[in-house]
Amino acid sequence: MKFVVTIDRDEDGTWVVECPSIPGCVSQGATKGEALENVKDAIAACLAVRSERGMPLTIETQQVEVLA
């Protein structure tokens, strides 16, 4: 399965990666590559927990246009 993730740096320079389609699924790393590898494990763990609890594996995400 493929998931869209967001990538950002916090105030300490740590890379933070989040999977918007799985609420609460966040990971981090000292480098962008490390953070991206770590989020793969986080996604797998979140999917397992959601499955065990009978929850939908993902929630719907959608892009919207905002005129600025």
C-alpha atoms as a PDB file:
ATOM      1  CA  MET A   1       0.000   0.000   0.000  1.00  0.00           C
ATOM      2  CA  LYS A   2       1.149   3.534  -0.653  1.00  0.00           C
ATOM      3  CA  PHE A   3       0.351   6.491   1.592  1.00  0.00           C
ATOM      4  CA  VAL A   4       0.792  10.236   1.233  1.00  0.00           C
ATOM      5  CA  VAL A   5       2.819  11.729   4.081  1.00  0.00           C
ATOM      6  CA  THR A   6       3.683  15.260   5.118  1.00  0.00           C
ATOM      7  CA  ILE A   7       7.283  16.165   5.951  1.00  0.00           C
ATOM      8  CA  ASP A   8       8.295  19.094   8.157  1.00  0.00           C
ATOM      9  CA  ARG A   9      11.077  20.140  10.511  1.00  0.00           C
ATOM     10  CA  ASP A  10      10.412  21.179  14.082  1.00  0.00           C
ATOM     11  CA  GLU A  11      12.112  24.012  15.939  1.00  0.00           C
ATOM     12  CA  ASP A  12      14.957  21.689  16.983  1.00  0.00           C
ATOM     13  CA  GLY A  13      15.660  20.562  13.419  1.00  0.00           C
ATOM     14  CA  THR A  14      14.106  17.116  13.823  1.00  0.00           C
ATOM     15  CA  TRP A  15      12.264  15.846  10.758  1.00  0.00           C
ATOM     16  CA  VAL A  16       8.612  15.052  11.495  1.00  0.00           C
ATOM     17  CA  VAL A  17       6.539  12.905   9.143  1.00  0.00           C
ATOM     18  CA  GLU A  18       2.788  12.431   9.440  1.00  0.00           C
ATOM     19  CA  CYS A  19       0.320  10.261   7.540  1.00  0.00           C
ATOM     20  CA  PRO A  20      -2.872  12.357   7.220  1.00  0.00           C
ATOM     21  CA  SER A  21      -5.067   9.405   6.243  1.00  0.00           C
ATOM     22  CA  ILE A  22      -4.294   7.630   9.541  1.00  0.00           C
ATOM     23  CA  PRO A  23      -5.155   9.836  12.542  1.00  0.00           C
ATOM     24  CA  GLY A  24      -2.299  10.053  15.049  1.00  0.00           C
ATOM     25  CA  CYS A  25       0.227   8.343  12.796  1.00  0.00           C
ATOM     26  CA  VAL A  26       3.385  10.402  13.244  1.00  0.00           C
ATOM     27  CA  SER A  27       7.096   9.620  13.320  1.00  0.00           C
ATOM     28  CA  GLN A  28      10.355  11.508  13.279  1.00  0.00           C
ATOM     29  CA  GLY A  29      14.064  11.215  12.614  1.00  0.00           C
ATOM     30  CA  ALA A  30      17.346  13.115  12.705  1.00  0.00           C
ATOM     31  CA  THR A  31      17.416  13.121   8.887  1.00  0.00           C
ATOM     32  CA  LYS A  32      14.633  13.235   6.318  1.00  0.00           C
ATOM     33  CA  GLY A  33      15.537   9.736   5.137  1.00  0.00           C
ATOM     34  CA  GLU A  34      15.477   8.356   8.669  1.00  0.00           C
ATOM     35  CA  ALA A  35      12.100   9.970   9.337  1.00  0.00           C
ATOM     36  CA  LEU A  36      10.657   8.499   6.135  1.00  0.00           C
ATOM     37  CA  GLU A  37      11.911   5.022   7.059  1.00  0.00           C
ATOM     38  CA  ASN A  38      10.531   5.395  10.597  1.00  0.00           C
ATOM     39  CA  VAL A  39       7.087   6.413   9.386  1.00  0.00           C
ATOM     40  CA  LYS A  40       6.813   3.147   7.458  1.00  0.00           C
ATOM     41  CA  ASP A  41       7.016   1.270  10.765  1.00  0.00           C
ATOM     42  CA  ALA A  42       4.558   3.708  12.346  1.00  0.00           C
ATOM     43  CA  ILE A  43       2.072   3.206   9.509  1.00  0.00           C
ATOM     44  CA  ALA A  44       2.305  -0.592   9.813  1.00  0.00           C
ATOM     45  CA  ALA A  45       1.783  -0.388  13.589  1.00  0.00           C
ATOM     46  CA  CYS A  46      -1.157   2.014  13.272  1.00  0.00           C
ATOM     47  CA  LEU A  47      -2.818  -0.188  10.663  1.00  0.00           C
ATOM     48  CA  ALA A  48      -2.410  -3.244  12.904  1.00  0.00           C
ATOM     49  CA  VAL A  49      -3.964  -1.481  15.903  1.00  0.00           C
ATOM     50  CA  ARG A  50      -6.842  -0.091  13.862  1.00  0.00           C
ATOM     51  CA  SER A  51      -7.489  -3.549  12.400  1.00  0.00           C
ATOM     52  CA  GLU A  52      -7.427  -5.203  15.853  1.00  0.00           C
ATOM     53  CA  ARG A  53      -9.953  -2.656  17.124  1.00  0.00           C
ATOM     54  CA  GLY A  54     -12.236  -3.078  14.119  1.00  0.00           C
ATOM     55  CA  MET A  55     -11.691   0.514  13.034  1.00  0.00           C
ATOM     56  CA  PRO A  56     -11.465   1.607   9.410  1.00  0.00           C
ATOM     57  CA  LEU A  57      -7.826   1.424   8.367  1.00  0.00           C
ATOM     58  CA  THR A  58      -7.798   4.951   6.957  1.00  0.00           C
ATOM     59  CA  ILE A  59      -9.966   8.034   6.848  1.00  0.00           C
ATOM     60  CA  GLU A  60     -10.837   9.951   3.712  1.00  0.00           C
ATOM     61  CA  THR A  61      -8.546  12.798   2.714  1.00  0.00           C
ATOM     62  CA  GLN A  62      -9.181  15.253  -0.068  1.00  0.00           C
ATOM     63  CA  GLN A  63      -7.575  18.316  -1.569  1.00  0.00           C
ATOM     64  CA  VAL A  64      -9.495  21.569  -1.621  1.00  0.00           C
ATOM     65  CA  GLU A  65      -8.665  24.791  -3.426  1.00  0.00           C
ATOM     66  CA  VAL A  66      -8.362  27.994  -1.440  1.00  0.00           C
ATOM     67  CA  LEU A  67      -7.993  31.263  -3.272  1.00  0.00           C
ATOM     68  CA  ALA A  68      -5.496  33.512  -1.540  1.00  0.00           C
END
